[in-house]
Amino acid sequence: MVTIAACQELHQDWLKNLAGATGGRTFSTHESEWVWLPARRQLVLLYPQRIAPAGIRPGLAEGMRLGAQSVSVWLNNAVSYAPLEAFGFRRGPQPMWMSAPVSAPKQYSAAAAALDPEPAEVSGPDAEELAAGRGHPGPHGM
């Protein structure tokens, strides 16, 4: 059974790997784990267990030093977001977690979808991240 916690772990892993592949980095402050995504000039706080101002302040300072244009927080409903409001954060939309068995795509015909490694409509940070991903082949050499 897939849990929200498992989805959060996968999401964290994705963001950390994306940061590493695009020249970013991860770092920790008091009870806070951060990811710097340079292509987006975005700093992301990853699923803190509690909001600790002692961790938020130095994280935001590092974001300013790095030139972040935005700061996001991924938070689950078990953690109060109220302390973030003191730092100017406001609530965003709740994500919809979805999962499927690894074998699910094999059940669809090849005509159902096509993988375009160079989609014309992709530009900006998305294109930079896609280019970085091309250097890291996925399972089955994709």
Protein backbone atom coordinates (compact mmCIF):
# COMPACT_ATOMS: atom_id res chain seq x y z
CA MET A 1 0.00 0.00 0.00
CA VAL A 2 1.28 3.44 -0.94
CA THR A 3 1.08 6.00 1.86
CA ILE A 4 1.28 9.77 1.88
CA ALA A 5 4.54 9.42 3.83
CA ALA A 6 5.95 7.26 1.03
CA CYS A 7 4.89 9.86 -1.56
CA GLN A 8 6.56 12.58 0.51
CA GLU A 9 9.77 10.57 0.65
CA LEU A 10 9.73 10.08 -3.12
CA HIS A 11 9.02 13.77 -3.66
CA GLN A 12 11.90 14.76 -1.36
CA ASP A 13 14.21 12.36 -3.18
CA TRP A 14 13.12 13.79 -6.52
CA LEU A 15 13.78 17.38 -5.44
CA LYS A 16 17.16 16.51 -3.93
CA ASN A 17 18.23 14.67 -7.09
CA LEU A 18 16.91 17.49 -9.29
CA ALA A 19 18.95 19.98 -7.28
CA GLY A 20 22.08 17.86 -7.64
CA ALA A 21 21.58 17.36 -11.38
CA THR A 22 21.04 21.07 -12.07
CA GLY A 23 23.89 22.51 -10.02
CA GLY A 24 21.84 23.11 -6.87
CA ARG A 25 22.29 21.65 -3.45
CA THR A 26 20.63 20.57 -0.23
CA PHE A 27 21.38 21.87 3.23
CA SER A 28 19.97 21.68 6.73
CA THR A 29 19.26 24.24 9.39
CA HIS A 30 17.76 23.57 12.83
CA GLU A 31 15.03 20.93 12.15
CA SER A 32 14.72 22.14 8.55
CA GLU A 33 15.94 20.54 5.33
CA TRP A 34 16.23 22.77 2.26
CA VAL A 35 16.76 22.30 -1.48
CA TRP A 36 18.16 24.99 -3.78
CA LEU A 37 16.87 24.73 -7.39
CA PRO A 38 19.05 27.16 -9.35
CA ALA A 39 17.25 26.89 -12.70
CA ARG A 40 14.10 28.17 -10.97
CA ARG A 41 15.99 30.35 -8.48
CA GLN A 42 13.78 28.67 -5.89
CA LEU A 43 14.49 27.57 -2.34
CA VAL A 44 12.29 24.75 -1.01
CA LEU A 45 11.77 23.66 2.60
CA LEU A 46 11.05 19.92 2.61
CA TYR A 47 8.31 18.56 4.87
CA PRO A 48 9.44 19.77 8.29
CA GLN A 49 8.12 17.83 11.28
CA ARG A 50 7.56 21.15 13.01
CA ILE A 51 8.20 24.76 12.12
CA ALA A 52 11.17 26.05 14.09
CA PRO A 53 12.01 29.75 13.65
CA ALA A 54 15.61 28.81 14.52
CA GLY A 55 15.66 26.78 11.30
CA ILE A 56 13.63 29.13 9.12
CA ARG A 57 15.70 32.28 9.67
CA PRO A 58 19.07 30.86 8.57
CA GLY A 59 17.42 29.00 5.68
CA LEU A 60 15.87 32.22 4.38
CA ALA A 61 19.19 34.04 4.85
CA GLU A 62 20.91 31.39 2.74
CA GLY A 63 18.18 31.71 0.13
CA MET A 64 18.85 35.45 -0.08
CA ARG A 65 22.59 34.79 -0.39
CA LEU A 66 21.91 32.33 -3.23
CA GLY A 67 19.64 34.82 -5.03
CA ALA A 68 16.34 33.00 -4.55
CA GLN A 69 13.37 34.65 -6.20
CA SER A 70 10.89 32.44 -4.39
CA VAL A 71 10.73 30.21 -1.34
CA SER A 72 8.29 27.33 -1.06
CA VAL A 73 7.45 24.94 1.74
CA TRP A 74 6.14 21.42 1.29
CA LEU A 75 4.17 20.67 4.42
CA ASN A 76 1.77 17.94 5.42
CA ASN A 77 -1.42 18.59 7.41
CA ALA A 78 0.08 17.15 10.60
CA VAL A 79 2.25 20.28 10.93
CA SER A 80 0.83 23.69 11.78
CA TYR A 81 1.57 26.27 9.11
CA ALA A 82 0.74 29.17 11.45
CA PRO A 83 4.39 29.88 12.42
CA LEU A 84 5.23 30.31 8.72
CA GLU A 85 2.77 33.21 8.46
CA ALA A 86 5.07 35.27 10.70
CA PHE A 87 7.68 34.96 7.93
CA GLY A 88 5.26 36.10 5.21
CA PHE A 89 4.26 32.68 3.87
CA ARG A 90 0.67 32.01 2.83
CA ARG A 91 -1.11 28.74 2.18
CA GLY A 92 -1.10 27.28 -1.30
CA PRO A 93 -3.21 24.56 -2.88
CA GLN A 94 -3.17 21.11 -1.35
CA PRO A 95 -1.47 18.56 -3.61
CA MET A 96 -3.29 15.49 -4.81
CA TRP A 97 -1.06 12.48 -4.18
CA MET A 98 -1.32 9.79 -6.83
CA SER A 99 0.49 6.53 -7.38
CA ALA A 100 0.35 3.52 -9.63
CA PRO A 101 2.10 0.17 -9.69
CA VAL A 102 5.31 0.20 -11.74
CA SER A 103 3.72 -2.32 -14.09
CA ALA A 104 0.72 -0.07 -14.87
CA PRO A 105 2.19 1.70 -17.94
CA LYS A 106 2.95 -1.67 -19.53
CA GLN A 107 -0.80 -2.32 -19.68
CA TYR A 108 -1.33 0.48 -22.21
CA SER A 109 -0.66 0.16 -25.92
CA ALA A 110 2.34 1.92 -27.43
CA ALA A 111 -0.11 4.07 -29.42
CA ALA A 112 -1.67 5.45 -26.21
CA ALA A 113 1.22 7.80 -25.51
CA ALA A 114 4.51 8.82 -27.00
CA LEU A 115 7.62 9.99 -25.20
CA ASP A 116 9.13 13.06 -26.82
CA PRO A 117 12.62 13.68 -25.43
CA GLU A 118 12.69 17.19 -26.99
CA PRO A 119 9.20 18.70 -26.58
CA ALA A 120 9.02 22.03 -28.41
CA GLU A 121 6.78 23.69 -25.81
CA VAL A 122 9.30 23.24 -22.97
CA SER A 123 11.38 26.32 -22.20
CA GLY A 124 13.05 28.18 -19.34
CA PRO A 125 13.76 26.27 -16.12
CA ASP A 126 11.78 23.26 -17.35
CA ALA A 127 14.10 22.96 -20.37
CA GLU A 128 17.20 23.31 -18.17
CA GLU A 129 15.98 20.58 -15.84
CA LEU A 130 14.99 18.34 -18.75
CA ALA A 131 18.47 18.76 -20.27
CA ALA A 132 20.07 17.83 -16.93
CA GLY A 133 17.84 14.77 -16.73
CA ARG A 134 18.98 13.55 -20.15
CA GLY A 135 22.41 12.93 -18.65
CA HIS A 136 20.90 10.58 -16.07
CA PRO A 137 19.26 7.63 -17.80
CA GLY A 138 16.28 6.21 -15.99
CA PRO A 139 15.36 2.59 -15.60
CA HIS A 140 15.42 0.60 -18.83
CA GLY A 141 17.70 3.21 -20.46
CA MET A 142 14.93 5.81 -20.93
